[in-house]
Amino acid sequence: MKEVSISTENITLGQLLKLAGVIDTGGAVKSFLNENEVLVNGIPENRRGKKLYHDDEVIIKGIGNFKVVSNFTN
C-alpha cells in the first residue's frame, strides 16, 4: 500500500489521484472515475470531490492501494 502524505486535514479524491501519480491532470479525473473501479474504505466511489481524511484507504482495481497520511495539526 502506497502512502500519500498531505499537510491539510483532508484532500479530495481527485487531488489524491493526481498526487499519487495515477492521473496527470485534474481534467482527467472525471473520465478516470467513470472508467475504473475505485473503492474508498471498501465502498465504491466515483465522486471526484469526495473528501478523504487521515487513514482513509483508496483501492483502484488493477492500479494499486493508497492510504491517506495527514500530518495536519490544529
C-alpha atoms as a PDB file:
ATOM      1  CA  MET A   1       0.000   0.000   0.000  1.00  0.00           C
ATOM      2  CA  LYS A   2       1.391   3.366  -1.036  1.00  0.00           C
ATOM      3  CA  GLU A   3       1.047   6.185   1.482  1.00  0.00           C
ATOM      4  CA  VAL A   4       0.017   9.610   0.206  1.00  0.00           C
ATOM      5  CA  SER A   5       1.094  12.343   2.632  1.00  0.00           C
ATOM      6  CA  ILE A   6      -0.926  15.517   2.964  1.00  0.00           C
ATOM      7  CA  SER A   7      -0.371  18.573   5.140  1.00  0.00           C
ATOM      8  CA  THR A   8      -4.052  19.502   5.405  1.00  0.00           C
ATOM      9  CA  GLU A   9      -6.960  17.983   7.308  1.00  0.00           C
ATOM     10  CA  ASN A  10      -8.442  16.442   4.162  1.00  0.00           C
ATOM     11  CA  ILE A  11      -7.996  16.040   0.428  1.00  0.00           C
ATOM     12  CA  THR A  12     -10.412  15.280  -2.389  1.00  0.00           C
ATOM     13  CA  LEU A  13     -10.337  12.012  -4.268  1.00  0.00           C
ATOM     14  CA  GLY A  14      -9.363  13.909  -7.425  1.00  0.00           C
ATOM     15  CA  GLN A  15      -6.421  15.550  -5.654  1.00  0.00           C
ATOM     16  CA  LEU A  16      -5.283  12.192  -4.279  1.00  0.00           C
ATOM     17  CA  LEU A  17      -5.304  10.630  -7.747  1.00  0.00           C
ATOM     18  CA  LYS A  18      -3.121  13.446  -9.038  1.00  0.00           C
ATOM     19  CA  LEU A  19      -0.736  13.415  -6.036  1.00  0.00           C
ATOM     20  CA  ALA A  20      -0.361   9.642  -6.269  1.00  0.00           C
ATOM     21  CA  GLY A  21       0.573   9.918  -9.951  1.00  0.00           C
ATOM     22  CA  VAL A  22      -2.445   7.929 -11.114  1.00  0.00           C
ATOM     23  CA  ILE A  23      -3.577  10.745 -13.426  1.00  0.00           C
ATOM     24  CA  ASP A  24      -1.626  13.611 -14.968  1.00  0.00           C
ATOM     25  CA  THR A  25      -4.175  16.424 -14.829  1.00  0.00           C
ATOM     26  CA  GLY A  26      -7.225  17.355 -12.811  1.00  0.00           C
ATOM     27  CA  GLY A  27      -9.254  17.354 -16.006  1.00  0.00           C
ATOM     28  CA  ALA A  28      -8.735  13.609 -16.366  1.00  0.00           C
ATOM     29  CA  VAL A  29     -10.393  12.777 -13.026  1.00  0.00           C
ATOM     30  CA  LYS A  30     -13.990  12.515 -14.186  1.00  0.00           C
ATOM     31  CA  SER A  31     -13.295  10.153 -17.081  1.00  0.00           C
ATOM     32  CA  PHE A  32     -10.871   8.116 -14.949  1.00  0.00           C
ATOM     33  CA  LEU A  33     -13.526   7.582 -12.269  1.00  0.00           C
ATOM     34  CA  ASN A  34     -16.092   6.587 -14.914  1.00  0.00           C
ATOM     35  CA  GLU A  35     -13.726   4.008 -16.434  1.00  0.00           C
ATOM     36  CA  ASN A  36     -12.141   2.497 -13.295  1.00  0.00           C
ATOM     37  CA  GLU A  37     -13.470   0.814 -10.174  1.00  0.00           C
ATOM     38  CA  VAL A  38     -12.434   2.877  -7.151  1.00  0.00           C
ATOM     39  CA  LEU A  39     -13.169   1.901  -3.547  1.00  0.00           C
ATOM     40  CA  VAL A  40     -12.840   4.285  -0.604  1.00  0.00           C
ATOM     41  CA  ASN A  41     -12.700   2.352   2.656  1.00  0.00           C
ATOM     42  CA  GLY A  42     -14.273  -0.596   0.824  1.00  0.00           C
ATOM     43  CA  ILE A  43     -17.184   1.390  -0.649  1.00  0.00           C
ATOM     44  CA  PRO A  44     -17.447   2.122  -4.405  1.00  0.00           C
ATOM     45  CA  GLU A  45     -16.848   5.820  -5.088  1.00  0.00           C
ATOM     46  CA  ASN A  46     -16.997   7.892  -8.290  1.00  0.00           C
ATOM     47  CA  ARG A  47     -17.209  11.467  -6.929  1.00  0.00           C
ATOM     48  CA  ARG A  48     -14.012  13.395  -7.573  1.00  0.00           C
ATOM     49  CA  GLY A  49     -14.879  15.771  -4.712  1.00  0.00           C
ATOM     50  CA  LYS A  50     -15.207  13.005  -2.105  1.00  0.00           C
ATOM     51  CA  LYS A  51     -13.247  14.192   0.924  1.00  0.00           C
ATOM     52  CA  LEU A  52     -10.588  11.860   2.266  1.00  0.00           C
ATOM     53  CA  TYR A  53      -9.086  12.047   5.741  1.00  0.00           C
ATOM     54  CA  HIS A  54      -6.138  10.540   7.644  1.00  0.00           C
ATOM     55  CA  ASP A  55      -6.132   6.722   7.447  1.00  0.00           C
ATOM     56  CA  ASP A  56      -8.685   6.555   4.599  1.00  0.00           C
ATOM     57  CA  GLU A  57      -7.828   3.817   2.128  1.00  0.00           C
ATOM     58  CA  VAL A  58      -8.371   4.015  -1.618  1.00  0.00           C
ATOM     59  CA  ILE A  59      -8.232   0.889  -3.766  1.00  0.00           C
ATOM     60  CA  ILE A  60      -8.133   1.221  -7.533  1.00  0.00           C
ATOM     61  CA  LYS A  61      -8.654  -2.114  -9.232  1.00  0.00           C
ATOM     62  CA  GLY A  62      -5.662  -3.002 -11.396  1.00  0.00           C
ATOM     63  CA  ILE A  63      -3.656   0.060 -10.312  1.00  0.00           C
ATOM     64  CA  GLY A  64      -2.980  -0.059  -6.593  1.00  0.00           C
ATOM     65  CA  ASN A  65      -3.858   0.680  -2.997  1.00  0.00           C
ATOM     66  CA  PHE A  66      -3.318   4.052  -1.374  1.00  0.00           C
ATOM     67  CA  LYS A  67      -3.573   5.314   2.202  1.00  0.00           C
ATOM     68  CA  VAL A  68      -4.004   8.962   3.209  1.00  0.00           C
ATOM     69  CA  VAL A  69      -1.497  10.074   5.846  1.00  0.00           C
ATOM     70  CA  SER A  70      -2.005  13.548   7.257  1.00  0.00           C
ATOM     71  CA  ASN A  71       0.448  15.457   9.413  1.00  0.00           C
ATOM     72  CA  PHE A  72      -2.119  18.238   9.940  1.00  0.00           C
ATOM     73  CA  THR A  73      -2.396  19.595  13.477  1.00  0.00           C
ATOM     74  CA  ASN A  74      -4.779  22.240  14.803  1.00  0.00           C
END
